[in-house]
């Protein structure tokens, strides 16, 4: 076979390849979309969970939104303060103080507290169960405990208790919101991580109906509203509601609640203590204490009455000498 017969097509194809390659190289430079280097840097700083908890389509979408000024530097619920600090440094701004928040199942109506209308034998899924007369629970607002939220949580932060109620592990939760979207009963809420007092009831029916169906439901007595020294509890739709911005975690509302519908972590309740050598006896702390738990005369060292102190910290905030500590 003549060598020219082979070389002709090879040279021709090679020339066409070079021509097309040069054309593509020119096009890639001519029509290239410039990527802000900050987007790349922020993408590397983000945890890469792509959970959507920030409200954007994955970490790449959030990185673009931050650079464009559409999202704050602390928008990622998974990365936390450390991630926000890195992104703030990239953007040349302050990270700011962001209160960590977590999901919480606001229901304590397990098998031992809430009655059942019937026995459910269908698909073990809350959405499927809710389609059958609203579910087996006599409380129309209660957790069905079949684990739909457990299945959608990408961080293994939810589990079902022996009493048949979903519970969130606050140490694992990133408040991505996937469980909230999946729950057919809207019984999952977002609360501050450090919050030690929560209304664990979602029932918006009147007191008698609630009492007939659940032993730990809010019956609308409003004793908590009247007892709160900081006006942090309101009453809406037959249900007590805590304003977390006003709440001091004093736990008085939980002590007054006759049904136990308000959860309080009493183990974390602190007491105020006055450092005697620094106290000037100005009496400001005593005047600001909502439960008269501080005694002492003007210009004399004051003392906190431990049996009356509710650990609200009002005295700490007002002390001009910063001589009161919480322990």
C-alpha atoms as a PDB file:
ATOM      1  CA  UNK A   1       0.000   0.000   0.000  1.00  0.00           C
ATOM      2  CA  UNK A   2       1.260   3.464  -0.951  1.00  0.00           C
ATOM      3  CA  UNK A   3       2.341   5.422   2.159  1.00  0.00           C
ATOM      4  CA  UNK A   4       0.856   8.590   0.691  1.00  0.00           C
ATOM      5  CA  UNK A   5      -2.553   6.975   0.792  1.00  0.00           C
ATOM      6  CA  UNK A   6      -2.295   6.690   4.583  1.00  0.00           C
ATOM      7  CA  UNK A   7      -0.483   9.947   5.339  1.00  0.00           C
ATOM      8  CA  UNK A   8      -2.982  12.087   3.465  1.00  0.00           C
ATOM      9  CA  UNK A   9      -5.949  11.373   5.772  1.00  0.00           C
ATOM     10  CA  UNK A  10      -3.699  11.426   8.900  1.00  0.00           C
ATOM     11  CA  UNK A  11      -2.340  14.856   8.060  1.00  0.00           C
ATOM     12  CA  UNK A  12      -5.819  16.062   7.165  1.00  0.00           C
ATOM     13  CA  UNK A  13      -7.324  14.832  10.451  1.00  0.00           C
ATOM     14  CA  UNK A  14      -4.383  16.176  12.419  1.00  0.00           C
ATOM     15  CA  UNK A  15      -4.793  19.582  10.840  1.00  0.00           C
ATOM     16  CA  UNK A  16      -8.501  19.615  11.581  1.00  0.00           C
ATOM     17  CA  UNK A  17      -7.758  18.635  15.194  1.00  0.00           C
ATOM     18  CA  UNK A  18      -5.313  21.481  15.595  1.00  0.00           C
ATOM     19  CA  UNK A  19      -7.753  23.911  14.008  1.00  0.00           C
ATOM     20  CA  UNK A  20     -10.650  22.866  16.244  1.00  0.00           C
ATOM     21  CA  UNK A  21      -8.391  22.818  19.311  1.00  0.00           C
ATOM     22  CA  UNK A  22      -7.211  26.350  18.603  1.00  0.00           C
ATOM     23  CA  UNK A  23     -10.821  27.420  18.096  1.00  0.00           C
ATOM     24  CA  UNK A  24     -11.934  25.905  21.408  1.00  0.00           C
ATOM     25  CA  UNK A  25      -8.983  27.461  23.248  1.00  0.00           C
ATOM     26  CA  UNK A  26      -9.873  30.860  21.819  1.00  0.00           C
ATOM     27  CA  UNK A  27     -13.570  30.403  22.697  1.00  0.00           C
ATOM     28  CA  UNK A  28     -12.765  29.331  26.259  1.00  0.00           C
ATOM     29  CA  UNK A  29     -10.783  32.522  26.789  1.00  0.00           C
ATOM     30  CA  UNK A  30     -13.171  34.781  24.892  1.00  0.00           C
ATOM     31  CA  UNK A  31     -16.353  33.562  26.558  1.00  0.00           C
ATOM     32  CA  UNK A  32     -14.955  32.451  29.918  1.00  0.00           C
ATOM     33  CA  UNK A  33     -17.103  33.223  32.966  1.00  0.00           C
ATOM     34  CA  UNK A  34     -14.863  34.624  35.647  1.00  0.00           C
ATOM     35  CA  UNK A  35     -15.264  32.989  39.059  1.00  0.00           C
ATOM     36  CA  UNK A  36     -14.704  35.183  42.083  1.00  0.00           C
ATOM     37  CA  UNK A  37     -11.840  33.568  44.016  1.00  0.00           C
ATOM     38  CA  UNK A  38     -13.776  34.237  47.209  1.00  0.00           C
ATOM     39  CA  UNK A  39     -16.474  31.790  46.062  1.00  0.00           C
ATOM     40  CA  UNK A  40     -13.876  29.062  45.764  1.00  0.00           C
ATOM     41  CA  UNK A  41     -12.310  29.932  49.114  1.00  0.00           C
ATOM     42  CA  UNK A  42     -15.690  29.987  50.878  1.00  0.00           C
ATOM     43  CA  UNK A  43     -16.630  26.695  49.241  1.00  0.00           C
ATOM     44  CA  UNK A  44     -13.515  25.146  50.747  1.00  0.00           C
ATOM     45  CA  UNK A  45     -14.320  26.634  54.166  1.00  0.00           C
ATOM     46  CA  UNK A  46     -17.860  25.231  54.186  1.00  0.00           C
ATOM     47  CA  UNK A  47     -18.332  21.689  55.579  1.00  0.00           C
ATOM     48  CA  UNK A  48     -19.626  20.258  52.288  1.00  0.00           C
ATOM     49  CA  UNK A  49     -22.725  18.695  53.842  1.00  0.00           C
ATOM     50  CA  UNK A  50     -24.994  20.103  51.090  1.00  0.00           C
ATOM     51  CA  UNK A  51     -27.925  19.695  53.490  1.00  0.00           C
ATOM     52  CA  UNK A  52     -29.832  22.767  52.305  1.00  0.00           C
ATOM     53  CA  UNK A  53     -30.290  23.984  55.889  1.00  0.00           C
ATOM     54  CA  UNK A  54     -29.054  27.428  54.864  1.00  0.00           C
ATOM     55  CA  UNK A  55     -31.880  27.776  52.347  1.00  0.00           C
ATOM     56  CA  UNK A  56     -29.622  27.554  49.299  1.00  0.00           C
ATOM     57  CA  UNK A  57     -28.984  24.666  46.879  1.00  0.00           C
ATOM     58  CA  UNK A  58     -25.925  23.148  48.500  1.00  0.00           C
ATOM     59  CA  UNK A  59     -22.689  24.674  49.746  1.00  0.00           C
ATOM     60  CA  UNK A  60     -21.850  26.038  46.285  1.00  0.00           C
ATOM     61  CA  UNK A  61     -25.106  27.969  46.177  1.00  0.00           C
ATOM     62  CA  UNK A  62     -24.451  29.402  49.637  1.00  0.00           C
ATOM     63  CA  UNK A  63     -20.898  30.418  48.704  1.00  0.00           C
ATOM     64  CA  UNK A  64     -22.216  32.401  45.743  1.00  0.00           C
ATOM     65  CA  UNK A  65     -24.955  33.974  47.883  1.00  0.00           C
ATOM     66  CA  UNK A  66     -22.458  35.118  50.526  1.00  0.00           C
ATOM     67  CA  UNK A  67     -20.177  36.737  47.946  1.00  0.00           C
ATOM     68  CA  UNK A  68     -23.185  38.421  46.318  1.00  0.00           C
ATOM     69  CA  UNK A  69     -24.282  39.783  49.687  1.00  0.00           C
ATOM     70  CA  UNK A  70     -27.516  37.787  49.720  1.00  0.00           C
ATOM     71  CA  UNK A  71     -26.565  35.636  52.717  1.00  0.00           C
ATOM     72  CA  UNK A  72     -24.672  36.396  55.955  1.00  0.00           C
ATOM     73  CA  UNK A  73     -21.289  34.852  56.689  1.00  0.00           C
ATOM     74  CA  UNK A  74     -22.834  32.766  59.489  1.00  0.00           C
ATOM     75  CA  UNK A  75     -25.611  31.311  57.309  1.00  0.00           C
ATOM     76  CA  UNK A  76     -24.296  27.741  57.482  1.00  0.00           C
ATOM     77  CA  UNK A  77     -26.014  25.897  60.386  1.00  0.00           C
ATOM     78  CA  UNK A  78     -23.612  22.963  60.154  1.00  0.00           C
ATOM     79  CA  UNK A  79     -20.263  24.757  60.249  1.00  0.00           C
ATOM     80  CA  UNK A  80     -21.072  26.813  63.323  1.00  0.00           C
ATOM     81  CA  UNK A  81     -18.972  29.656  64.730  1.00  0.00           C
ATOM     82  CA  UNK A  82     -15.629  28.322  63.494  1.00  0.00           C
ATOM     83  CA  UNK A  83     -16.853  28.138  59.898  1.00  0.00           C
ATOM     84  CA  UNK A  84     -18.444  31.581  60.147  1.00  0.00           C
ATOM     85  CA  UNK A  85     -15.158  33.006  61.416  1.00  0.00           C
ATOM     86  CA  UNK A  86     -13.240  31.601  58.427  1.00  0.00           C
ATOM     87  CA  UNK A  87     -15.787  32.948  55.945  1.00  0.00           C
ATOM     88  CA  UNK A  88     -15.818  36.335  57.671  1.00  0.00           C
ATOM     89  CA  UNK A  89     -12.041  36.505  57.286  1.00  0.00           C
ATOM     90  CA  UNK A  90     -12.360  35.716  53.566  1.00  0.00           C
ATOM     91  CA  UNK A  91     -15.025  38.394  53.154  1.00  0.00           C
ATOM     92  CA  UNK A  92     -13.188  40.899  55.334  1.00  0.00           C
ATOM     93  CA  UNK A  93     -16.102  41.427  57.719  1.00  0.00           C
ATOM     94  CA  UNK A  94     -16.972  40.586  61.315  1.00  0.00           C
ATOM     95  CA  UNK A  95     -18.632  37.240  61.917  1.00  0.00           C
ATOM     96  CA  UNK A  96     -20.937  38.594  64.596  1.00  0.00           C
ATOM     97  CA  UNK A  97     -22.515  36.659  67.446  1.00  0.00           C
ATOM     98  CA  UNK A  98     -24.812  33.914  66.224  1.00  0.00           C
ATOM     99  CA  UNK A  99     -26.955  31.998  68.692  1.00  0.00           C
ATOM    100  CA  UNK A 100     -26.769  28.281  67.976  1.00  0.00           C
ATOM    101  CA  UNK A 101     -30.195  26.781  67.421  1.00  0.00           C
ATOM    102  CA  UNK A 102     -31.416  23.208  67.297  1.00  0.00           C
ATOM    103  CA  UNK A 103     -34.591  21.350  66.423  1.00  0.00           C
ATOM    104  CA  UNK A 104     -36.882  20.139  69.208  1.00  0.00           C
ATOM    105  CA  UNK A 105     -39.937  17.905  69.162  1.00  0.00           C
ATOM    106  CA  UNK A 106     -42.451  19.942  71.167  1.00  0.00           C
ATOM    107  CA  UNK A 107     -44.481  17.007  72.419  1.00  0.00           C
ATOM    108  CA  UNK A 108     -44.239  14.726  75.468  1.00  0.00           C
ATOM    109  CA  UNK A 109     -47.371  12.741  74.660  1.00  0.00           C
ATOM    110  CA  UNK A 110     -45.870   9.280  74.454  1.00  0.00           C
ATOM    111  CA  UNK A 111     -47.714   6.017  75.061  1.00  0.00           C
ATOM    112  CA  UNK A 112     -47.701   6.588  78.811  1.00  0.00           C
ATOM    113  CA  UNK A 113     -49.208  10.084  78.612  1.00  0.00           C
ATOM    114  CA  UNK A 114     -51.413  10.236  75.519  1.00  0.00           C
ATOM    115  CA  UNK A 115     -54.326   7.956  74.676  1.00  0.00           C
ATOM    116  CA  UNK A 116     -54.588   5.990  71.445  1.00  0.00           C
ATOM    117  CA  UNK A 117     -57.711   6.070  69.273  1.00  0.00           C
ATOM    118  CA  UNK A 118     -56.905   2.752  67.629  1.00  0.00           C
ATOM    119  CA  UNK A 119     -54.030   0.412  66.845  1.00  0.00           C
ATOM    120  CA  UNK A 120     -52.243   1.278  63.628  1.00  0.00           C
ATOM    121  CA  UNK A 121     -50.839  -1.598  61.549  1.00  0.00           C
ATOM    122  CA  UNK A 122     -50.040   0.243  58.320  1.00  0.00           C
ATOM    123  CA  UNK A 123     -46.804   1.536  56.813  1.00  0.00           C
ATOM    124  CA  UNK A 124     -44.412   2.670  59.548  1.00  0.00           C
ATOM    125  CA  UNK A 125     -44.305   6.250  58.339  1.00  0.00           C
ATOM    126  CA  UNK A 126     -45.832   9.312  59.986  1.00  0.00           C
ATOM    127  CA  UNK A 127     -47.180  10.726  56.722  1.00  0.00           C
ATOM    128  CA  UNK A 128     -48.902   7.446  55.873  1.00  0.00           C
ATOM    129  CA  UNK A 129     -50.309   7.100  59.402  1.00  0.00           C
ATOM    130  CA  UNK A 130     -51.577  10.693  59.409  1.00  0.00           C
ATOM    131  CA  UNK A 131     -53.720   9.864  56.371  1.00  0.00           C
ATOM    132  CA  UNK A 132     -55.702   7.390  58.489  1.00  0.00           C
ATOM    133  CA  UNK A 133     -57.997   9.572  60.604  1.00  0.00           C
ATOM    134  CA  UNK A 134     -55.102  11.866  61.429  1.00  0.00           C
ATOM    135  CA  UNK A 135     -53.127   9.081  63.079  1.00  0.00           C
ATOM    136  CA  UNK A 136     -53.707   6.811  66.068  1.00  0.00           C
ATOM    137  CA  UNK A 137     -52.978   9.439  68.725  1.00  0.00           C
ATOM    138  CA  UNK A 138     -56.036  10.934  70.427  1.00  0.00           C
ATOM    139  CA  UNK A 139     -54.196  14.272  70.357  1.00  0.00           C
ATOM    140  CA  UNK A 140     -54.509  15.626  66.825  1.00  0.00           C
ATOM    141  CA  UNK A 141     -51.315  17.662  67.281  1.00  0.00           C
ATOM    142  CA  UNK A 142     -49.060  15.045  68.850  1.00  0.00           C
ATOM    143  CA  UNK A 143     -45.974  13.232  67.605  1.00  0.00           C
ATOM    144  CA  UNK A 144     -46.873   9.914  65.954  1.00  0.00           C
ATOM    145  CA  UNK A 145     -43.444   8.477  66.685  1.00  0.00           C
ATOM    146  CA  UNK A 146     -43.030   6.408  63.519  1.00  0.00           C
ATOM    147  CA  UNK A 147     -39.686   7.928  62.590  1.00  0.00           C
ATOM    148  CA  UNK A 148     -40.244   9.875  59.373  1.00  0.00           C
ATOM    149  CA  UNK A 149     -38.054  12.629  60.834  1.00  0.00           C
ATOM    150  CA  UNK A 150     -35.438  10.043  61.815  1.00  0.00           C
ATOM    151  CA  UNK A 151     -35.226   8.792  58.237  1.00  0.00           C
ATOM    152  CA  UNK A 152     -34.679  12.236  56.697  1.00  0.00           C
ATOM    153  CA  UNK A 153     -32.127  13.534  59.210  1.00  0.00           C
ATOM    154  CA  UNK A 154     -28.716  13.540  57.489  1.00  0.00           C
ATOM    155  CA  UNK A 155     -26.860  13.843  60.807  1.00  0.00           C
ATOM    156  CA  UNK A 156     -28.390  10.952  62.796  1.00  0.00           C
ATOM    157  CA  UNK A 157     -29.616  13.500  65.344  1.00  0.00           C
ATOM    158  CA  UNK A 158     -33.131  12.110  65.940  1.00  0.00           C
ATOM    159  CA  UNK A 159     -34.263   8.904  67.580  1.00  0.00           C
ATOM    160  CA  UNK A 160     -37.520   7.360  68.823  1.00  0.00           C
ATOM    161  CA  UNK A 161     -37.828   6.808  72.579  1.00  0.00           C
ATOM    162  CA  UNK A 162     -39.252   3.673  74.190  1.00  0.00           C
ATOM    163  CA  UNK A 163     -42.364   5.725  74.904  1.00  0.00           C
ATOM    164  CA  UNK A 164     -42.911   6.304  71.179  1.00  0.00           C
ATOM    165  CA  UNK A 165     -41.858   9.941  70.843  1.00  0.00           C
ATOM    166  CA  UNK A 166     -39.212  11.433  68.567  1.00  0.00           C
ATOM    167  CA  UNK A 167     -36.357  13.163  70.383  1.00  0.00           C
ATOM    168  CA  UNK A 168     -33.554  15.344  69.037  1.00  0.00           C
ATOM    169  CA  UNK A 169     -29.942  15.045  70.156  1.00  0.00           C
ATOM    170  CA  UNK A 170     -28.938  18.743  70.435  1.00  0.00           C
ATOM    171  CA  UNK A 171     -25.253  17.851  70.215  1.00  0.00           C
ATOM    172  CA  UNK A 172     -25.714  16.364  66.737  1.00  0.00           C
ATOM    173  CA  UNK A 173     -28.451  18.654  65.399  1.00  0.00           C
ATOM    174  CA  UNK A 174     -27.464  21.376  62.930  1.00  0.00           C
ATOM    175  CA  UNK A 175     -30.971  22.905  62.573  1.00  0.00           C
ATOM    176  CA  UNK A 176     -30.983  22.121  58.861  1.00  0.00           C
ATOM    177  CA  UNK A 177     -34.791  21.936  58.960  1.00  0.00           C
ATOM    178  CA  UNK A 178     -35.274  18.669  57.064  1.00  0.00           C
ATOM    179  CA  UNK A 179     -37.167  17.081  59.955  1.00  0.00           C
ATOM    180  CA  UNK A 180     -39.488  20.087  60.140  1.00  0.00           C
ATOM    181  CA  UNK A 181     -40.320  19.743  56.450  1.00  0.00           C
ATOM    182  CA  UNK A 182     -40.971  16.006  56.810  1.00  0.00           C
ATOM    183  CA  UNK A 183     -43.190  16.087  59.924  1.00  0.00           C
ATOM    184  CA  UNK A 184     -46.897  15.918  58.947  1.00  0.00           C
ATOM    185  CA  UNK A 185     -47.956  17.128  62.400  1.00  0.00           C
ATOM    186  CA  UNK A 186     -45.781  20.273  62.481  1.00  0.00           C
ATOM    187  CA  UNK A 187     -44.620  19.242  65.919  1.00  0.00           C
ATOM    188  CA  UNK A 188     -40.932  20.123  65.467  1.00  0.00           C
ATOM    189  CA  UNK A 189     -39.667  23.627  66.186  1.00  0.00           C
ATOM    190  CA  UNK A 190     -36.309  25.428  66.271  1.00  0.00           C
ATOM    191  CA  UNK A 191     -35.141  26.611  69.702  1.00  0.00           C
ATOM    192  CA  UNK A 192     -31.911  28.129  71.046  1.00  0.00           C
ATOM    193  CA  UNK A 193     -29.349  25.469  71.979  1.00  0.00           C
ATOM    194  CA  UNK A 194     -28.879  26.991  75.438  1.00  0.00           C
ATOM    195  CA  UNK A 195     -32.612  27.211  76.144  1.00  0.00           C
ATOM    196  CA  UNK A 196     -33.437  25.321  79.350  1.00  0.00           C
ATOM    197  CA  UNK A 197     -37.180  26.041  79.371  1.00  0.00           C
ATOM    198  CA  UNK A 198     -39.527  24.946  76.565  1.00  0.00           C
ATOM    199  CA  UNK A 199     -43.276  24.495  76.231  1.00  0.00           C
ATOM    200  CA  UNK A 200     -43.392  20.829  75.203  1.00  0.00           C
ATOM    201  CA  UNK A 201     -46.917  20.879  73.822  1.00  0.00           C
ATOM    202  CA  UNK A 202     -48.324  21.680  70.402  1.00  0.00           C
ATOM    203  CA  UNK A 203     -52.045  21.172  71.082  1.00  0.00           C
ATOM    204  CA  UNK A 204     -54.152  24.179  70.183  1.00  0.00           C
ATOM    205  CA  UNK A 205     -57.469  22.785  71.453  1.00  0.00           C
ATOM    206  CA  UNK A 206     -59.251  23.964  74.582  1.00  0.00           C
ATOM    207  CA  UNK A 207     -58.206  22.779  78.010  1.00  0.00           C
ATOM    208  CA  UNK A 208     -60.886  20.133  78.615  1.00  0.00           C
ATOM    209  CA  UNK A 209     -60.233  18.416  75.287  1.00  0.00           C
ATOM    210  CA  UNK A 210     -56.494  18.438  75.924  1.00  0.00           C
ATOM    211  CA  UNK A 211     -56.908  17.077  79.461  1.00  0.00           C
ATOM    212  CA  UNK A 212     -59.154  14.241  78.258  1.00  0.00           C
ATOM    213  CA  UNK A 213     -56.558  13.099  75.725  1.00  0.00           C
ATOM    214  CA  UNK A 214     -53.145  13.834  77.219  1.00  0.00           C
ATOM    215  CA  UNK A 215     -51.842  13.978  80.782  1.00  0.00           C
ATOM    216  CA  UNK A 216     -49.028  16.411  79.987  1.00  0.00           C
ATOM    217  CA  UNK A 217     -50.710  18.818  77.576  1.00  0.00           C
ATOM    218  CA  UNK A 218     -51.122  22.581  77.972  1.00  0.00           C
ATOM    219  CA  UNK A 219     -54.634  23.213  79.313  1.00  0.00           C
ATOM    220  CA  UNK A 220     -54.527  26.976  78.893  1.00  0.00           C
ATOM    221  CA  UNK A 221     -54.672  27.885  82.597  1.00  0.00           C
ATOM    222  CA  UNK A 222     -52.185  30.732  81.971  1.00  0.00           C
ATOM    223  CA  UNK A 223     -50.546  30.297  85.389  1.00  0.00           C
ATOM    224  CA  UNK A 224     -47.194  30.443  83.610  1.00  0.00           C
ATOM    225  CA  UNK A 225     -48.092  33.746  81.974  1.00  0.00           C
ATOM    226  CA  UNK A 226     -48.986  35.292  85.318  1.00  0.00           C
ATOM    227  CA  UNK A 227     -45.938  33.861  87.103  1.00  0.00           C
ATOM    228  CA  UNK A 228     -43.250  34.949  84.626  1.00  0.00           C
ATOM    229  CA  UNK A 229     -41.369  37.967  86.059  1.00  0.00           C
ATOM    230  CA  UNK A 230     -40.098  38.991  82.629  1.00  0.00           C
ATOM    231  CA  UNK A 231     -43.277  38.861  80.532  1.00  0.00           C
ATOM    232  CA  UNK A 232     -41.601  36.205  78.399  1.00  0.00           C
ATOM    233  CA  UNK A 233     -44.693  34.011  78.061  1.00  0.00           C
ATOM    234  CA  UNK A 234     -47.757  34.828  76.012  1.00  0.00           C
ATOM    235  CA  UNK A 235     -50.921  32.868  75.285  1.00  0.00           C
ATOM    236  CA  UNK A 236     -51.925  32.284  71.674  1.00  0.00           C
ATOM    237  CA  UNK A 237     -54.336  29.761  70.126  1.00  0.00           C
ATOM    238  CA  UNK A 238     -55.010  28.132  73.510  1.00  0.00           C
ATOM    239  CA  UNK A 239     -51.299  27.476  73.956  1.00  0.00           C
ATOM    240  CA  UNK A 240     -48.527  29.016  76.064  1.00  0.00           C
ATOM    241  CA  UNK A 241     -45.653  30.411  74.020  1.00  0.00           C
ATOM    242  CA  UNK A 242     -42.200  31.479  75.227  1.00  0.00           C
ATOM    243  CA  UNK A 243     -40.399  34.495  73.781  1.00  0.00           C
ATOM    244  CA  UNK A 244     -36.829  33.190  73.869  1.00  0.00           C
ATOM    245  CA  UNK A 245     -35.386  36.687  73.543  1.00  0.00           C
ATOM    246  CA  UNK A 246     -37.026  37.673  76.836  1.00  0.00           C
ATOM    247  CA  UNK A 247     -36.729  34.365  78.691  1.00  0.00           C
ATOM    248  CA  UNK A 248     -34.097  34.249  81.441  1.00  0.00           C
ATOM    249  CA  UNK A 249     -34.412  30.486  82.050  1.00  0.00           C
ATOM    250  CA  UNK A 250     -35.590  31.175  85.608  1.00  0.00           C
ATOM    251  CA  UNK A 251     -37.922  28.133  85.342  1.00  0.00           C
ATOM    252  CA  UNK A 252     -40.717  29.622  87.436  1.00  0.00           C
ATOM    253  CA  UNK A 253     -43.202  28.843  84.668  1.00  0.00           C
ATOM    254  CA  UNK A 254     -42.271  25.157  84.771  1.00  0.00           C
ATOM    255  CA  UNK A 255     -42.718  25.105  88.546  1.00  0.00           C
ATOM    256  CA  UNK A 256     -46.189  26.623  88.235  1.00  0.00           C
ATOM    257  CA  UNK A 257     -47.422  24.481  85.319  1.00  0.00           C
ATOM    258  CA  UNK A 258     -49.970  21.998  86.783  1.00  0.00           C
ATOM    259  CA  UNK A 259     -49.609  19.431  83.991  1.00  0.00           C
ATOM    260  CA  UNK A 260     -45.874  19.478  83.371  1.00  0.00           C
ATOM    261  CA  UNK A 261     -46.356  20.772  79.833  1.00  0.00           C
ATOM    262  CA  UNK A 262     -43.396  23.112  80.298  1.00  0.00           C
ATOM    263  CA  UNK A 263     -40.014  21.394  80.332  1.00  0.00           C
ATOM    264  CA  UNK A 264     -37.215  22.819  82.450  1.00  0.00           C
ATOM    265  CA  UNK A 265     -33.726  21.462  82.997  1.00  0.00           C
ATOM    266  CA  UNK A 266     -33.547  22.127  86.716  1.00  0.00           C
ATOM    267  CA  UNK A 267     -30.090  20.554  86.888  1.00  0.00           C
ATOM    268  CA  UNK A 268     -28.758  23.582  85.024  1.00  0.00           C
ATOM    269  CA  UNK A 269     -30.496  26.116  87.236  1.00  0.00           C
ATOM    270  CA  UNK A 270     -27.851  28.469  88.630  1.00  0.00           C
ATOM    271  CA  UNK A 271     -27.735  30.611  91.733  1.00  0.00           C
ATOM    272  CA  UNK A 272     -26.388  34.123  92.064  1.00  0.00           C
ATOM    273  CA  UNK A 273     -23.474  34.766  94.401  1.00  0.00           C
ATOM    274  CA  UNK A 274     -22.154  38.146  95.565  1.00  0.00           C
ATOM    275  CA  UNK A 275     -18.386  38.541  95.926  1.00  0.00           C
ATOM    276  CA  UNK A 276     -18.378  40.246  99.335  1.00  0.00           C
ATOM    277  CA  UNK A 277     -15.082  42.142  99.080  1.00  0.00           C
ATOM    278  CA  UNK A 278     -16.233  43.991  95.967  1.00  0.00           C
ATOM    279  CA  UNK A 279     -19.810  44.782  97.030  1.00  0.00           C
ATOM    280  CA  UNK A 280     -20.412  48.478  97.786  1.00  0.00           C
ATOM    281  CA  UNK A 281     -23.953  48.007  99.094  1.00  0.00           C
ATOM    282  CA  UNK A 282     -25.610  50.127  96.425  1.00  0.00           C
ATOM    283  CA  UNK A 283     -28.847  48.023  96.703  1.00  0.00           C
ATOM    284  CA  UNK A 284     -29.373  48.054  92.914  1.00  0.00           C
ATOM    285  CA  UNK A 285     -29.297  44.243  92.774  1.00  0.00           C
ATOM    286  CA  UNK A 286     -31.895  43.942  95.525  1.00  0.00           C
ATOM    287  CA  UNK A 287     -34.203  46.383  93.770  1.00  0.00           C
ATOM    288  CA  UNK A 288     -33.921  44.523  90.453  1.00  0.00           C
ATOM    289  CA  UNK A 289     -34.441  41.028  91.877  1.00  0.00           C
ATOM    290  CA  UNK A 290     -37.966  39.892  90.865  1.00  0.00           C
ATOM    291  CA  UNK A 291     -38.317  37.482  93.791  1.00  0.00           C
ATOM    292  CA  UNK A 292     -36.719  39.475  96.647  1.00  0.00           C
ATOM    293  CA  UNK A 293     -33.860  36.993  96.936  1.00  0.00           C
ATOM    294  CA  UNK A 294     -31.227  39.587  97.920  1.00  0.00           C
ATOM    295  CA  UNK A 295     -30.956  41.209 101.319  1.00  0.00           C
ATOM    296  CA  UNK A 296     -28.725  43.930 102.748  1.00  0.00           C
ATOM    297  CA  UNK A 297     -28.795  47.516 103.910  1.00  0.00           C
ATOM    298  CA  UNK A 298     -27.475  50.516 102.001  1.00  0.00           C
ATOM    299  CA  UNK A 299     -23.649  50.654 101.987  1.00  0.00           C
ATOM    300  CA  UNK A 300     -23.468  47.183 103.522  1.00  0.00           C
ATOM    301  CA  UNK A 301     -22.465  43.927 101.875  1.00  0.00           C
ATOM    302  CA  UNK A 302     -25.474  42.222 100.360  1.00  0.00           C
ATOM    303  CA  UNK A 303     -26.318  38.550 100.443  1.00  0.00           C
ATOM    304  CA  UNK A 304     -28.237  36.218  98.100  1.00  0.00           C
ATOM    305  CA  UNK A 305     -30.877  33.987  99.698  1.00  0.00           C
ATOM    306  CA  UNK A 306     -30.231  30.697  97.912  1.00  0.00           C
ATOM    307  CA  UNK A 307     -33.609  29.180  98.739  1.00  0.00           C
ATOM    308  CA  UNK A 308     -35.349  32.082  96.979  1.00  0.00           C
ATOM    309  CA  UNK A 309     -32.942  32.746  94.076  1.00  0.00           C
ATOM    310  CA  UNK A 310     -34.311  31.569  90.713  1.00  0.00           C
ATOM    311  CA  UNK A 311     -31.089  32.064  88.760  1.00  0.00           C
ATOM    312  CA  UNK A 312     -32.507  34.620  86.333  1.00  0.00           C
ATOM    313  CA  UNK A 313     -29.336  36.745  86.323  1.00  0.00           C
ATOM    314  CA  UNK A 314     -31.169  40.085  86.580  1.00  0.00           C
ATOM    315  CA  UNK A 315     -28.877  41.140  89.409  1.00  0.00           C
ATOM    316  CA  UNK A 316     -25.775  40.261  87.416  1.00  0.00           C
ATOM    317  CA  UNK A 317     -26.865  42.477  84.538  1.00  0.00           C
ATOM    318  CA  UNK A 318     -27.503  45.480  86.770  1.00  0.00           C
ATOM    319  CA  UNK A 319     -24.594  45.295  89.223  1.00  0.00           C
ATOM    320  CA  UNK A 320     -22.378  48.361  88.527  1.00  0.00           C
ATOM    321  CA  UNK A 321     -19.298  46.711  90.082  1.00  0.00           C
ATOM    322  CA  UNK A 322     -19.761  43.380  88.239  1.00  0.00           C
ATOM    323  CA  UNK A 323     -19.374  41.618  91.568  1.00  0.00           C
ATOM    324  CA  UNK A 324     -22.185  39.063  91.187  1.00  0.00           C
ATOM    325  CA  UNK A 325     -21.523  35.704  89.544  1.00  0.00           C
ATOM    326  CA  UNK A 326     -23.788  32.818  88.573  1.00  0.00           C
ATOM    327  CA  UNK A 327     -22.852  29.374  89.894  1.00  0.00           C
END
